[in-house]
PDB file of all heavy atoms in Angstrom:
ATOM      1  N   ALA A   1      98.811 108.576 119.856  1.00  0.00           N
ATOM      2  CA  ALA A   1      97.572 108.507 119.023  1.00  0.00           C
ATOM      3  C   ALA A   1      96.495 107.607 119.653  1.00  0.00           C
ATOM      4  O   ALA A   1      95.320 107.909 119.583  1.00  0.00           O
ATOM      5  CB  ALA A   1      97.885 107.990 117.653  1.00  0.00           C
ATOM      6  N   GLU A   2      96.895 106.584 120.361  1.00  0.00           N
ATOM      7  CA  GLU A   2      95.956 105.634 120.913  1.00  0.00           C
ATOM      8  C   GLU A   2      95.504 106.035 122.330  1.00  0.00           C
ATOM      9  O   GLU A   2      94.354 105.839 122.717  1.00  0.00           O
ATOM     10  CB  GLU A   2      96.512 104.220 120.938  1.00  0.00           C
ATOM     11  CG  GLU A   2      96.479 103.566 119.569  1.00  0.00           C
ATOM     12  CD  GLU A   2      95.104 103.447 118.988  1.00  0.00           C
ATOM     13  OE1 GLU A   2      94.230 102.826 119.605  1.00  0.00           O
ATOM     14  OE2 GLU A   2      94.918 103.974 117.896  1.00  0.00           O
ATOM     15  N   TYR A   3      96.425 106.579 123.110  1.00  0.00           N
ATOM     16  CA  TYR A   3      96.149 106.772 124.545  1.00  0.00           C
ATOM     17  C   TYR A   3      95.914 108.218 124.943  1.00  0.00           C
ATOM     18  O   TYR A   3      95.365 108.516 126.010  1.00  0.00           O
ATOM     19  CB  TYR A   3      97.229 106.210 125.389  1.00  0.00           C
ATOM     20  CG  TYR A   3      97.447 104.726 125.231  1.00  0.00           C
ATOM     21  CD1 TYR A   3      98.530 104.166 124.564  1.00  0.00           C
ATOM     22  CD2 TYR A   3      96.444 103.802 125.657  1.00  0.00           C
ATOM     23  CE1 TYR A   3      98.630 102.815 124.415  1.00  0.00           C
ATOM     24  CE2 TYR A   3      96.556 102.461 125.471  1.00  0.00           C
ATOM     25  CZ  TYR A   3      97.686 101.944 124.856  1.00  0.00           C
ATOM     26  OH  TYR A   3      97.822 100.590 124.694  1.00  0.00           O
ATOM     27  N   ASP A   4      96.306 109.175 124.085  1.00  0.00           N
ATOM     28  CA  ASP A   4      96.205 110.567 124.465  1.00  0.00           C
ATOM     29  C   ASP A   4      95.371 111.414 123.509  1.00  0.00           C
ATOM     30  O   ASP A   4      95.262 112.651 123.632  1.00  0.00           O
ATOM     31  CB  ASP A   4      97.598 111.208 124.587  1.00  0.00           C
ATOM     32  CG  ASP A   4      98.418 110.567 125.743  1.00  0.00           C
ATOM     33  OD1 ASP A   4      97.839 110.559 126.878  1.00  0.00           O
ATOM     34  OD2 ASP A   4      99.477 110.114 125.508  1.00  0.00           O
ATOM     35  N   LEU A   5      94.695 110.802 122.565  1.00  0.00           N
ATOM     36  CA  LEU A   5      93.886 111.492 121.594  1.00  0.00           C
ATOM     37  C   LEU A   5      92.782 112.312 122.265  1.00  0.00           C
ATOM     38  O   LEU A   5      92.418 113.423 121.873  1.00  0.00           O
ATOM     39  CB  LEU A   5      93.219 110.497 120.622  1.00  0.00           C
ATOM     40  CG  LEU A   5      92.344 111.103 119.472  1.00  0.00           C
ATOM     41  CD1 LEU A   5      93.215 111.973 118.578  1.00  0.00           C
ATOM     42  CD2 LEU A   5      91.669 109.916 118.722  1.00  0.00           C
ATOM     43  N   HIS A   6      92.275 111.802 123.409  1.00  0.00           N
ATOM     44  CA  HIS A   6      91.191 112.498 124.106  1.00  0.00           C
ATOM     45  C   HIS A   6      91.646 113.761 124.753  1.00  0.00           C
ATOM     46  O   HIS A   6      90.803 114.634 125.187  1.00  0.00           O
ATOM     47  CB  HIS A   6      90.627 111.595 125.228  1.00  0.00           C
ATOM     48  CG  HIS A   6      91.629 111.264 126.316  1.00  0.00           C
ATOM     49  ND1 HIS A   6      92.611 110.374 126.216  1.00  0.00           N
ATOM     50  CD2 HIS A   6      91.743 111.853 127.563  1.00  0.00           C
ATOM     51  CE1 HIS A   6      93.339 110.382 127.309  1.00  0.00           C
ATOM     52  NE2 HIS A   6      92.831 111.270 128.133  1.00  0.00           N
ATOM     53  N   CYS A   7      92.945 114.020 124.824  1.00  0.00           N
ATOM     54  CA  CYS A   7      93.431 115.261 125.385  1.00  0.00           C
ATOM     55  C   CYS A   7      93.377 116.456 124.450  1.00  0.00           C
ATOM     56  O   CYS A   7      93.652 117.617 124.887  1.00  0.00           O
ATOM     57  CB  CYS A   7      94.909 115.080 125.862  1.00  0.00           C
ATOM     58  SG  CYS A   7      95.072 113.862 127.198  1.00  0.00           S
ATOM     59  N   LEU A   8      93.092 116.177 123.188  1.00  0.00           N
ATOM     60  CA  LEU A   8      92.992 117.216 122.171  1.00  0.00           C
ATOM     61  C   LEU A   8      91.659 117.981 122.331  1.00  0.00           C
ATOM     62  O   LEU A   8      90.702 117.479 122.899  1.00  0.00           O
ATOM     63  CB  LEU A   8      93.134 116.669 120.771  1.00  0.00           C
ATOM     64  CG  LEU A   8      94.400 115.961 120.421  1.00  0.00           C
ATOM     65  CD1 LEU A   8      94.308 115.403 118.980  1.00  0.00           C
ATOM     66  CD2 LEU A   8      95.623 116.967 120.487  1.00  0.00           C
ATOM     67  N   SER A   9      91.626 119.158 121.789  1.00  0.00           N
ATOM     68  CA  SER A   9      90.380 119.925 121.734  1.00  0.00           C
ATOM     69  C   SER A   9      89.424 119.226 120.791  1.00  0.00           C
ATOM     70  O   SER A   9      89.826 118.381 119.963  1.00  0.00           O
ATOM     71  CB  SER A   9      90.602 121.380 121.201  1.00  0.00           C
ATOM     72  OG  SER A   9      90.967 121.315 119.826  1.00  0.00           O
ATOM     73  N   SER A  10      88.125 119.569 120.836  1.00  0.00           N
ATOM     74  CA  SER A  10      87.134 118.889 119.971  1.00  0.00           C
ATOM     75  C   SER A  10      87.457 119.165 118.500  1.00  0.00           C
ATOM     76  O   SER A  10      87.282 118.214 117.684  1.00  0.00           O
ATOM     77  CB  SER A  10      85.709 119.396 120.328  1.00  0.00           C
ATOM     78  OG  SER A  10      85.670 120.789 120.178  1.00  0.00           O
ATOM     79  N   GLU A  11      87.935 120.316 118.166  1.00  0.00           N
ATOM     80  CA  GLU A  11      88.320 120.626 116.802  1.00  0.00           C
ATOM     81  C   GLU A  11      89.495 119.810 116.352  1.00  0.00           C
ATOM     82  O   GLU A  11      89.493 119.221 115.239  1.00  0.00           O
ATOM     83  CB  GLU A  11      88.603 122.115 116.651  1.00  0.00           C
ATOM     84  CG  GLU A  11      88.898 122.525 115.191  1.00  0.00           C
ATOM     85  CD  GLU A  11      89.210 124.018 115.040  1.00  0.00           C
ATOM     86  OE1 GLU A  11      89.129 124.733 116.041  1.00  0.00           O
ATOM     87  OE2 GLU A  11      89.556 124.411 113.962  1.00  0.00           O
ATOM     88  N   GLN A  12      90.498 119.759 117.184  1.00  0.00           N
ATOM     89  CA  GLN A  12      91.710 118.943 116.852  1.00  0.00           C
ATOM     90  C   GLN A  12      91.328 117.485 116.729  1.00  0.00           C
ATOM     91  O   GLN A  12      91.821 116.764 115.827  1.00  0.00           O
ATOM     92  CB  GLN A  12      92.789 119.151 117.905  1.00  0.00           C
ATOM     93  CG  GLN A  12      93.391 120.564 117.900  1.00  0.00           C
ATOM     94  CD  GLN A  12      94.262 120.746 119.133  1.00  0.00           C
ATOM     95  OE1 GLN A  12      94.013 120.145 120.227  1.00  0.00           O
ATOM     96  NE2 GLN A  12      95.258 121.605 119.013  1.00  0.00           N
ATOM     97  N   HIS A  13      90.517 116.999 117.641  1.00  0.00           N
ATOM     98  CA  HIS A  13      90.119 115.586 117.695  1.00  0.00           C
ATOM     99  C   HIS A  13      89.357 115.298 116.363  1.00  0.00           C
ATOM    100  O   HIS A  13      89.609 114.218 115.770  1.00  0.00           O
ATOM    101  CB  HIS A  13      89.183 115.382 118.901  1.00  0.00           C
ATOM    102  CG  HIS A  13      88.866 113.970 119.151  1.00  0.00           C
ATOM    103  ND1 HIS A  13      87.895 113.239 118.544  1.00  0.00           N
ATOM    104  CD2 HIS A  13      89.436 113.058 120.024  1.00  0.00           C
ATOM    105  CE1 HIS A  13      87.849 112.031 118.988  1.00  0.00           C
ATOM    106  NE2 HIS A  13      88.767 111.866 119.894  1.00  0.00           N
ATOM    107  N   ALA A  14      88.498 116.181 115.898  1.00  0.00           N
ATOM    108  CA  ALA A  14      87.763 115.910 114.676  1.00  0.00           C
ATOM    109  C   ALA A  14      88.700 115.822 113.486  1.00  0.00           C
ATOM    110  O   ALA A  14      88.505 115.038 112.566  1.00  0.00           O
ATOM    111  CB  ALA A  14      86.700 117.019 114.425  1.00  0.00           C
ATOM    112  N   LEU A  15      89.694 116.728 113.464  1.00  0.00           N
ATOM    113  CA  LEU A  15      90.643 116.707 112.324  1.00  0.00           C
ATOM    114  C   LEU A  15      91.442 115.391 112.276  1.00  0.00           C
ATOM    115  O   LEU A  15      91.657 114.854 111.207  1.00  0.00           O
ATOM    116  CB  LEU A  15      91.635 117.902 112.453  1.00  0.00           C
ATOM    117  CG  LEU A  15      91.000 119.276 112.189  1.00  0.00           C
ATOM    118  CD1 LEU A  15      91.971 120.418 112.612  1.00  0.00           C
ATOM    119  CD2 LEU A  15      90.609 119.394 110.694  1.00  0.00           C
ATOM    120  N   ILE A  16      91.849 114.895 113.444  1.00  0.00           N
ATOM    121  CA  ILE A  16      92.585 113.630 113.473  1.00  0.00           C
ATOM    122  C   ILE A  16      91.696 112.476 113.036  1.00  0.00           C
ATOM    123  O   ILE A  16      92.115 111.573 112.320  1.00  0.00           O
ATOM    124  CB  ILE A  16      93.181 113.377 114.914  1.00  0.00           C
ATOM    125  CG1 ILE A  16      94.201 114.429 115.275  1.00  0.00           C
ATOM    126  CG2 ILE A  16      93.754 111.954 115.022  1.00  0.00           C
ATOM    127  CD1 ILE A  16      95.403 114.455 114.362  1.00  0.00           C
ATOM    128  N   LEU A  17      90.443 112.478 113.499  1.00  0.00           N
ATOM    129  CA  LEU A  17      89.493 111.434 113.065  1.00  0.00           C
ATOM    130  C   LEU A  17      89.293 111.433 111.594  1.00  0.00           C
ATOM    131  O   LEU A  17      89.092 110.346 110.994  1.00  0.00           O
ATOM    132  CB  LEU A  17      88.169 111.580 113.832  1.00  0.00           C
ATOM    133  CG  LEU A  17      88.221 111.182 115.314  1.00  0.00           C
ATOM    134  CD1 LEU A  17      86.821 111.250 115.921  1.00  0.00           C
ATOM    135  CD2 LEU A  17      88.771 109.764 115.547  1.00  0.00           C
ATOM    136  N   THR A  18      89.259 112.607 110.977  1.00  0.00           N
ATOM    137  CA  THR A  18      89.133 112.693 109.504  1.00  0.00           C
ATOM    138  C   THR A  18      90.293 111.986 108.832  1.00  0.00           C
ATOM    139  O   THR A  18      90.131 111.258 107.865  1.00  0.00           O
ATOM    140  CB  THR A  18      89.024 114.156 109.074  1.00  0.00           C
ATOM    141  OG1 THR A  18      87.847 114.738 109.674  1.00  0.00           O
ATOM    142  CG2 THR A  18      88.931 114.270 107.571  1.00  0.00           C
ATOM    143  N   LEU A  19      91.507 112.261 109.326  1.00  0.00           N
ATOM    144  CA  LEU A  19      92.738 111.641 108.775  1.00  0.00           C
ATOM    145  C   LEU A  19      92.653 110.117 108.953  1.00  0.00           C
ATOM    146  O   LEU A  19      92.959 109.357 108.073  1.00  0.00           O
ATOM    147  CB  LEU A  19      93.959 112.190 109.439  1.00  0.00           C
ATOM    148  CG  LEU A  19      94.370 113.608 109.081  1.00  0.00           C
ATOM    149  CD1 LEU A  19      95.541 114.070 109.946  1.00  0.00           C
ATOM    150  CD2 LEU A  19      94.618 113.777 107.608  1.00  0.00           C
ATOM    151  N   ARG A  20      92.210 109.677 110.158  1.00  0.00           N
ATOM    152  CA  ARG A  20      92.144 108.248 110.404  1.00  0.00           C
ATOM    153  C   ARG A  20      91.146 107.595 109.522  1.00  0.00           C
ATOM    154  O   ARG A  20      91.349 106.496 109.026  1.00  0.00           O
ATOM    155  CB  ARG A  20      91.763 108.033 111.872  1.00  0.00           C
ATOM    156  CG  ARG A  20      91.593 106.534 112.194  1.00  0.00           C
ATOM    157  CD  ARG A  20      91.567 106.223 113.631  1.00  0.00           C
ATOM    158  NE  ARG A  20      91.112 104.840 113.855  1.00  0.00           N
ATOM    159  CZ  ARG A  20      91.613 104.063 114.765  1.00  0.00           C
ATOM    160  NH1 ARG A  20      92.571 104.497 115.588  1.00  0.00           N
ATOM    161  NH2 ARG A  20      91.164 102.800 114.906  1.00  0.00           N
ATOM    162  N   ARG A  21      89.980 108.226 109.273  1.00  0.00           N
ATOM    163  CA  ARG A  21      88.943 107.631 108.416  1.00  0.00           C
ATOM    164  C   ARG A  21      89.457 107.523 106.989  1.00  0.00           C
ATOM    165  O   ARG A  21      89.148 106.521 106.277  1.00  0.00           O
ATOM    166  CB  ARG A  21      87.643 108.380 108.509  1.00  0.00           C
ATOM    167  CG  ARG A  21      86.930 108.246 109.811  1.00  0.00           C
ATOM    168  CD  ARG A  21      85.553 108.860 109.834  1.00  0.00           C
ATOM    169  NE  ARG A  21      84.992 108.868 111.177  1.00  0.00           N
ATOM    170  CZ  ARG A  21      84.812 109.953 111.946  1.00  0.00           C
ATOM    171  NH1 ARG A  21      85.201 111.127 111.493  1.00  0.00           N
ATOM    172  NH2 ARG A  21      84.313 109.809 113.151  1.00  0.00           N
ATOM    173  N   ARG A  22      90.193 108.541 106.572  1.00  0.00           N
ATOM    174  CA  ARG A  22      90.792 108.457 105.198  1.00  0.00           C
ATOM    175  C   ARG A  22      91.740 107.266 105.116  1.00  0.00           C
ATOM    176  O   ARG A  22      91.793 106.541 104.088  1.00  0.00           O
ATOM    177  CB  ARG A  22      91.570 109.729 104.912  1.00  0.00           C
ATOM    178  CG  ARG A  22      90.726 110.906 104.477  1.00  0.00           C
ATOM    179  CD  ARG A  22      91.535 112.174 104.285  1.00  0.00           C
ATOM    180  NE  ARG A  22      92.642 111.916 103.357  1.00  0.00           N
ATOM    181  CZ  ARG A  22      93.738 112.683 103.286  1.00  0.00           C
ATOM    182  NH1 ARG A  22      93.905 113.684 104.139  1.00  0.00           N
ATOM    183  NH2 ARG A  22      94.734 112.376 102.424  1.00  0.00           N
ATOM    184  N   TYR A  23      92.488 107.029 106.166  1.00  0.00           N
ATOM    185  CA  TYR A  23      93.408 105.898 106.228  1.00  0.00           C
ATOM    186  C   TYR A  23      92.662 104.590 106.228  1.00  0.00           C
ATOM    187  O   TYR A  23      92.995 103.644 105.478  1.00  0.00           O
ATOM    188  CB  TYR A  23      94.374 105.958 107.411  1.00  0.00           C
ATOM    189  CG  TYR A  23      95.255 104.783 107.527  1.00  0.00           C
ATOM    190  CD1 TYR A  23      96.303 104.532 106.605  1.00  0.00           C
ATOM    191  CD2 TYR A  23      95.119 103.847 108.538  1.00  0.00           C
ATOM    192  CE1 TYR A  23      97.071 103.420 106.656  1.00  0.00           C
ATOM    193  CE2 TYR A  23      95.969 102.751 108.656  1.00  0.00           C
ATOM    194  CZ  TYR A  23      96.920 102.544 107.705  1.00  0.00           C
ATOM    195  OH  TYR A  23      97.726 101.431 107.778  1.00  0.00           O
ATOM    196  N   GLU A  24      91.653 104.479 107.053  1.00  0.00           N
ATOM    197  CA  GLU A  24      90.823 103.252 107.172  1.00  0.00           C
ATOM    198  C   GLU A  24      90.173 102.901 105.828  1.00  0.00           C
ATOM    199  O   GLU A  24      89.956 101.758 105.531  1.00  0.00           O
ATOM    200  CB  GLU A  24      89.777 103.432 108.270  1.00  0.00           C
ATOM    201  CG  GLU A  24      90.296 103.434 109.641  1.00  0.00           C
ATOM    202  CD  GLU A  24      89.243 103.753 110.696  1.00  0.00           C
ATOM    203  OE1 GLU A  24      88.108 104.021 110.289  1.00  0.00           O
ATOM    204  OE2 GLU A  24      89.593 103.748 111.925  1.00  0.00           O
ATOM    205  N   GLU A  25      89.888 103.948 105.003  1.00  0.00           N
ATOM    206  CA  GLU A  25      89.271 103.703 103.747  1.00  0.00           C
ATOM    207  C   GLU A  25      90.098 102.817 102.791  1.00  0.00           C
ATOM    208  O   GLU A  25      89.577 102.072 101.987  1.00  0.00           O
ATOM    209  CB  GLU A  25      88.938 105.042 103.048  1.00  0.00           C
ATOM    210  CG  GLU A  25      87.827 104.980 102.011  1.00  0.00           C
ATOM    211  CD  GLU A  25      86.520 104.478 102.531  1.00  0.00           C
ATOM    212  OE1 GLU A  25      86.214 104.681 103.742  1.00  0.00           O
ATOM    213  OE2 GLU A  25      85.815 103.790 101.809  1.00  0.00           O
ATOM    214  N   TYR A  26      91.421 102.920 102.935  1.00  0.00           N
ATOM    215  CA  TYR A  26      92.279 102.078 102.079  1.00  0.00           C
ATOM    216  C   TYR A  26      92.063 100.614 102.469  1.00  0.00           C
ATOM    217  O   TYR A  26      92.003  99.736 101.620  1.00  0.00           O
ATOM    218  CB  TYR A  26      93.794 102.422 102.353  1.00  0.00           C
ATOM    219  CG  TYR A  26      94.253 103.669 101.659  1.00  0.00           C
ATOM    220  CD1 TYR A  26      94.383 104.852 102.318  1.00  0.00           C
ATOM    221  CD2 TYR A  26      94.622 103.588 100.306  1.00  0.00           C
ATOM    222  CE1 TYR A  26      94.847 106.003 101.696  1.00  0.00           C
ATOM    223  CE2 TYR A  26      95.035 104.756  99.668  1.00  0.00           C
ATOM    224  CZ  TYR A  26      95.184 105.927 100.341  1.00  0.00           C
ATOM    225  OH  TYR A  26      95.642 107.067  99.677  1.00  0.00           O
ATOM    226  N   LEU A  27      91.899 100.261 103.744  1.00  0.00           N
ATOM    227  CA  LEU A  27      91.636  98.952 104.213  1.00  0.00           C
ATOM    228  C   LEU A  27      90.227  98.515 103.796  1.00  0.00           C
ATOM    229  O   LEU A  27      90.068  97.385 103.339  1.00  0.00           O
ATOM    230  CB  LEU A  27      91.795  98.892 105.753  1.00  0.00           C
ATOM    231  CG  LEU A  27      91.771  97.537 106.410  1.00  0.00           C
ATOM    232  CD1 LEU A  27      92.818  96.591 105.804  1.00  0.00           C
ATOM    233  CD2 LEU A  27      91.946  97.649 107.908  1.00  0.00           C
ATOM    234  N   VAL A  28      89.248  99.387 103.921  1.00  0.00           N
ATOM    235  CA  VAL A  28      87.888  99.092 103.553  1.00  0.00           C
ATOM    236  C   VAL A  28      87.839  98.705 102.082  1.00  0.00           C
ATOM    237  O   VAL A  28      87.233  97.647 101.699  1.00  0.00           O
ATOM    238  CB  VAL A  28      86.954 100.298 103.874  1.00  0.00           C
ATOM    239  CG1 VAL A  28      85.573 100.056 103.203  1.00  0.00           C
ATOM    240  CG2 VAL A  28      86.781 100.445 105.333  1.00  0.00           C
ATOM    241  N   GLU A  29      88.450  99.550 101.212  1.00  0.00           N
ATOM    242  CA  GLU A  29      88.344  99.283  99.760  1.00  0.00           C
ATOM    243  C   GLU A  29      89.052  97.999  99.423  1.00  0.00           C
ATOM    244  O   GLU A  29      88.558  97.233  98.534  1.00  0.00           O
ATOM    245  CB  GLU A  29      89.001 100.429  99.028  1.00  0.00           C
ATOM    246  CG  GLU A  29      88.234 101.749  99.104  1.00  0.00           C
ATOM    247  CD  GLU A  29      88.953 102.916  98.457  1.00  0.00           C
ATOM    248  OE1 GLU A  29      90.087 102.698  97.908  1.00  0.00           O
ATOM    249  OE2 GLU A  29      88.403 104.037  98.431  1.00  0.00           O
ATOM    250  N   THR A  30      90.143  97.714 100.090  1.00  0.00           N
ATOM    251  CA  THR A  30      90.897  96.475  99.760  1.00  0.00           C
ATOM    252  C   THR A  30      90.071  95.230 100.188  1.00  0.00           C
ATOM    253  O   THR A  30      90.003  94.249  99.436  1.00  0.00           O
ATOM    254  CB  THR A  30      92.238  96.442 100.515  1.00  0.00           C
ATOM    255  OG1 THR A  30      93.007  97.564 100.100  1.00  0.00           O
ATOM    256  CG2 THR A  30      93.016  95.170 100.203  1.00  0.00           C
ATOM    257  N   ILE A  31      89.435  95.298 101.342  1.00  0.00           N
ATOM    258  CA  ILE A  31      88.659  94.115 101.790  1.00  0.00           C
ATOM    259  C   ILE A  31      87.390  93.995 100.897  1.00  0.00           C
ATOM    260  O   ILE A  31      86.991  92.846 100.560  1.00  0.00           O
ATOM    261  CB  ILE A  31      88.151  94.370 103.282  1.00  0.00           C
ATOM    262  CG1 ILE A  31      89.358  94.330 104.198  1.00  0.00           C
ATOM    263  CG2 ILE A  31      87.098  93.330 103.703  1.00  0.00           C
ATOM    264  CD1 ILE A  31      90.157  92.992 104.179  1.00  0.00           C
ATOM    265  N   GLU A  32      86.800  95.063 100.423  1.00  0.00           N
ATOM    266  CA  GLU A  32      85.682  95.023  99.522  1.00  0.00           C
ATOM    267  C   GLU A  32      86.061  94.318  98.227  1.00  0.00           C
ATOM    268  O   GLU A  32      85.334  93.446  97.698  1.00  0.00           O
ATOM    269  CB  GLU A  32      85.133  96.384  99.229  1.00  0.00           C
ATOM    270  CG  GLU A  32      84.288  96.972 100.322  1.00  0.00           C
ATOM    271  CD  GLU A  32      83.696  98.355  99.986  1.00  0.00           C
ATOM    272  OE1 GLU A  32      84.286  98.987  99.085  1.00  0.00           O
ATOM    273  OE2 GLU A  32      82.738  98.742 100.647  1.00  0.00           O
ATOM    274  N   GLN A  33      87.197  94.670  97.691  1.00  0.00           N
ATOM    275  CA  GLN A  33      87.681  94.026  96.443  1.00  0.00           C
ATOM    276  C   GLN A  33      88.090  92.548  96.635  1.00  0.00           C
ATOM    277  O   GLN A  33      87.851  91.729  95.799  1.00  0.00           O
ATOM    278  CB  GLN A  33      88.887  94.801  95.874  1.00  0.00           C
ATOM    279  CG  GLN A  33      88.515  96.201  95.425  1.00  0.00           C
ATOM    280  CD  GLN A  33      89.714  97.015  95.017  1.00  0.00           C
ATOM    281  OE1 GLN A  33      90.822  96.493  94.835  1.00  0.00           O
ATOM    282  NE2 GLN A  33      89.553  98.333  94.907  1.00  0.00           N
ATOM    283  N   LEU A  34      88.584  92.286  97.853  1.00  0.00           N
ATOM    284  CA  LEU A  34      89.019  90.919  98.121  1.00  0.00           C
ATOM    285  C   LEU A  34      87.812  89.992  98.319  1.00  0.00           C
ATOM    286  O   LEU A  34      87.820  88.815  97.954  1.00  0.00           O
ATOM    287  CB  LEU A  34      89.896  90.931  99.403  1.00  0.00           C
ATOM    288  CG  LEU A  34      90.641  89.656  99.811  1.00  0.00           C
ATOM    289  CD1 LEU A  34      91.562  89.232  98.582  1.00  0.00           C
ATOM    290  CD2 LEU A  34      91.507  89.895 101.017  1.00  0.00           C
ATOM    291  N   THR A  35      86.782  90.484  98.997  1.00  0.00           N
ATOM    292  CA  THR A  35      85.621  89.670  99.337  1.00  0.00           C
ATOM    293  C   THR A  35      84.493  89.772  98.292  1.00  0.00           C
ATOM    294  O   THR A  35      83.624  88.934  98.187  1.00  0.00           O
ATOM    295  CB  THR A  35      85.038  90.009 100.670  1.00  0.00           C
ATOM    296  OG1 THR A  35      84.570  91.400 100.619  1.00  0.00           O
ATOM    297  CG2 THR A  35      86.095  89.865 101.769  1.00  0.00           C
ATOM    298  N   GLY A  36      84.540  90.876  97.458  1.00  0.00           N
ATOM    299  CA  GLY A  36      83.443  91.070  96.517  1.00  0.00           C
ATOM    300  C   GLY A  36      82.193  91.447  97.151  1.00  0.00           C
ATOM    301  O   GLY A  36      81.114  91.351  96.549  1.00  0.00           O
ATOM    302  N   LYS A  37      82.233  91.994  98.393  1.00  0.00           N
ATOM    303  CA  LYS A  37      81.023  92.379  99.062  1.00  0.00           C
ATOM    304  C   LYS A  37      81.182  93.815  99.629  1.00  0.00           C
ATOM    305  O   LYS A  37      82.250  94.208 100.006  1.00  0.00           O
ATOM    306  CB  LYS A  37      80.753  91.437 100.228  1.00  0.00           C
ATOM    307  CG  LYS A  37      80.552  90.017  99.794  1.00  0.00           C
ATOM    308  CD  LYS A  37      80.307  89.095 101.025  1.00  0.00           C
ATOM    309  CE  LYS A  37      80.116  87.662 100.516  1.00  0.00           C
ATOM    310  NZ  LYS A  37      79.900  86.755 101.630  1.00  0.00           N
ATOM    311  N   PRO A  38      80.094  94.611  99.550  1.00  0.00           N
ATOM    312  CA  PRO A  38      80.125  95.933 100.161  1.00  0.00           C
ATOM    313  C   PRO A  38      80.324  95.954 101.602  1.00  0.00           C
ATOM    314  O   PRO A  38      79.980  94.973 102.256  1.00  0.00           O
ATOM    315  CB  PRO A  38      78.773  96.554  99.738  1.00  0.00           C
ATOM    316  CG  PRO A  38      77.827  95.363  99.601  1.00  0.00           C
ATOM    317  CD  PRO A  38      78.749  94.252  99.041  1.00  0.00           C
ATOM    318  N   THR A  39      80.877  97.035 102.122  1.00  0.00           N
ATOM    319  CA  THR A  39      81.165  97.111 103.568  1.00  0.00           C
ATOM    320  C   THR A  39      79.999  97.734 104.309  1.00  0.00           C
ATOM    321  O   THR A  39      79.645  98.882 104.080  1.00  0.00           O
ATOM    322  CB  THR A  39      82.444  97.919 103.794  1.00  0.00           C
ATOM    323  OG1 THR A  39      83.491  97.301 103.013  1.00  0.00           O
ATOM    324  CG2 THR A  39      82.852  97.899 105.254  1.00  0.00           C
ATOM    325  N   SER A  40      79.434  97.007 105.264  1.00  0.00           N
ATOM    326  CA  SER A  40      78.373  97.514 106.101  1.00  0.00           C
ATOM    327  C   SER A  40      78.952  98.357 107.188  1.00  0.00           C
ATOM    328  O   SER A  40      80.152  98.421 107.402  1.00  0.00           O
ATOM    329  CB  SER A  40      77.559  96.341 106.716  1.00  0.00           C
ATOM    330  OG  SER A  40      78.443  95.633 107.613  1.00  0.00           O
ATOM    331  N   ALA A  41      78.036  99.060 107.903  1.00  0.00           N
ATOM    332  CA  ALA A  41      78.474  99.868 109.038  1.00  0.00           C
ATOM    333  C   ALA A  41      79.195  99.046 110.124  1.00  0.00           C
ATOM    334  O   ALA A  41      80.185  99.430 110.678  1.00  0.00           O
ATOM    335  CB  ALA A  41      77.295 100.592 109.664  1.00  0.00           C
ATOM    336  N   THR A  42      78.651  97.811 110.319  1.00  0.00           N
ATOM    337  CA  THR A  42      79.290  96.880 111.316  1.00  0.00           C
ATOM    338  C   THR A  42      80.662  96.496 110.900  1.00  0.00           C
ATOM    339  O   THR A  42      81.576  96.496 111.689  1.00  0.00           O
ATOM    340  CB  THR A  42      78.402  95.619 111.496  1.00  0.00           C
ATOM    341  OG1 THR A  42      77.077  95.996 111.882  1.00  0.00           O
ATOM    342  CG2 THR A  42      79.041  94.708 112.508  1.00  0.00           C
ATOM    343  N   ARG A  43      80.811  96.217 109.562  1.00  0.00           N
ATOM    344  CA  ARG A  43      82.102  95.848 109.117  1.00  0.00           C
ATOM    345  C   ARG A  43      83.119  96.978 109.174  1.00  0.00           C
ATOM    346  O   ARG A  43      84.274  96.807 109.402  1.00  0.00           O
ATOM    347  CB  ARG A  43      81.995  95.259 107.676  1.00  0.00           C
ATOM    348  CG  ARG A  43      82.550  93.849 107.527  1.00  0.00           C
ATOM    349  CD  ARG A  43      82.219  93.268 106.239  1.00  0.00           C
ATOM    350  NE  ARG A  43      80.915  92.619 106.284  1.00  0.00           N
ATOM    351  CZ  ARG A  43      80.084  92.558 105.241  1.00  0.00           C
ATOM    352  NH1 ARG A  43      80.436  93.102 104.048  1.00  0.00           N
ATOM    353  NH2 ARG A  43      78.929  91.927 105.336  1.00  0.00           N
ATOM    354  N   ARG A  44      82.633  98.182 108.901  1.00  0.00           N
ATOM    355  CA  ARG A  44      83.515  99.367 108.986  1.00  0.00           C
ATOM    356  C   ARG A  44      84.026  99.557 110.396  1.00  0.00           C
ATOM    357  O   ARG A  44      85.238  99.849 110.603  1.00  0.00           O
ATOM    358  CB  ARG A  44      82.753 100.594 108.537  1.00  0.00           C
ATOM    359  CG  ARG A  44      82.701 100.788 107.036  1.00  0.00           C
ATOM    360  CD  ARG A  44      82.022 102.070 106.631  1.00  0.00           C
ATOM    361  NE  ARG A  44      81.999 102.181 105.191  1.00  0.00           N
ATOM    362  CZ  ARG A  44      82.936 102.737 104.459  1.00  0.00           C
ATOM    363  NH1 ARG A  44      84.044 103.206 105.094  1.00  0.00           N
ATOM    364  NH2 ARG A  44      82.868 102.821 103.141  1.00  0.00           N
ATOM    365  N   ALA A  45      83.112  99.365 111.364  1.00  0.00           N
ATOM    366  CA  ALA A  45      83.557  99.466 112.732  1.00  0.00           C
ATOM    367  C   ALA A  45      84.561  98.359 113.111  1.00  0.00           C
ATOM    368  O   ALA A  45      85.546  98.579 113.847  1.00  0.00           O
ATOM    369  CB  ALA A  45      82.328  99.298 113.675  1.00  0.00           C
TER     370      ALA A  45
END
């Protein structure tokens, strides 16, 4: 997932990134609740 993702087709790559962003959202929501602050684009990155 970390070293060979670039070997996928653009369509496959996009599907994996969608799954990853869904997963990252769990972390984003938890940090927002923990800090009481909305998540900026910089913080999401």
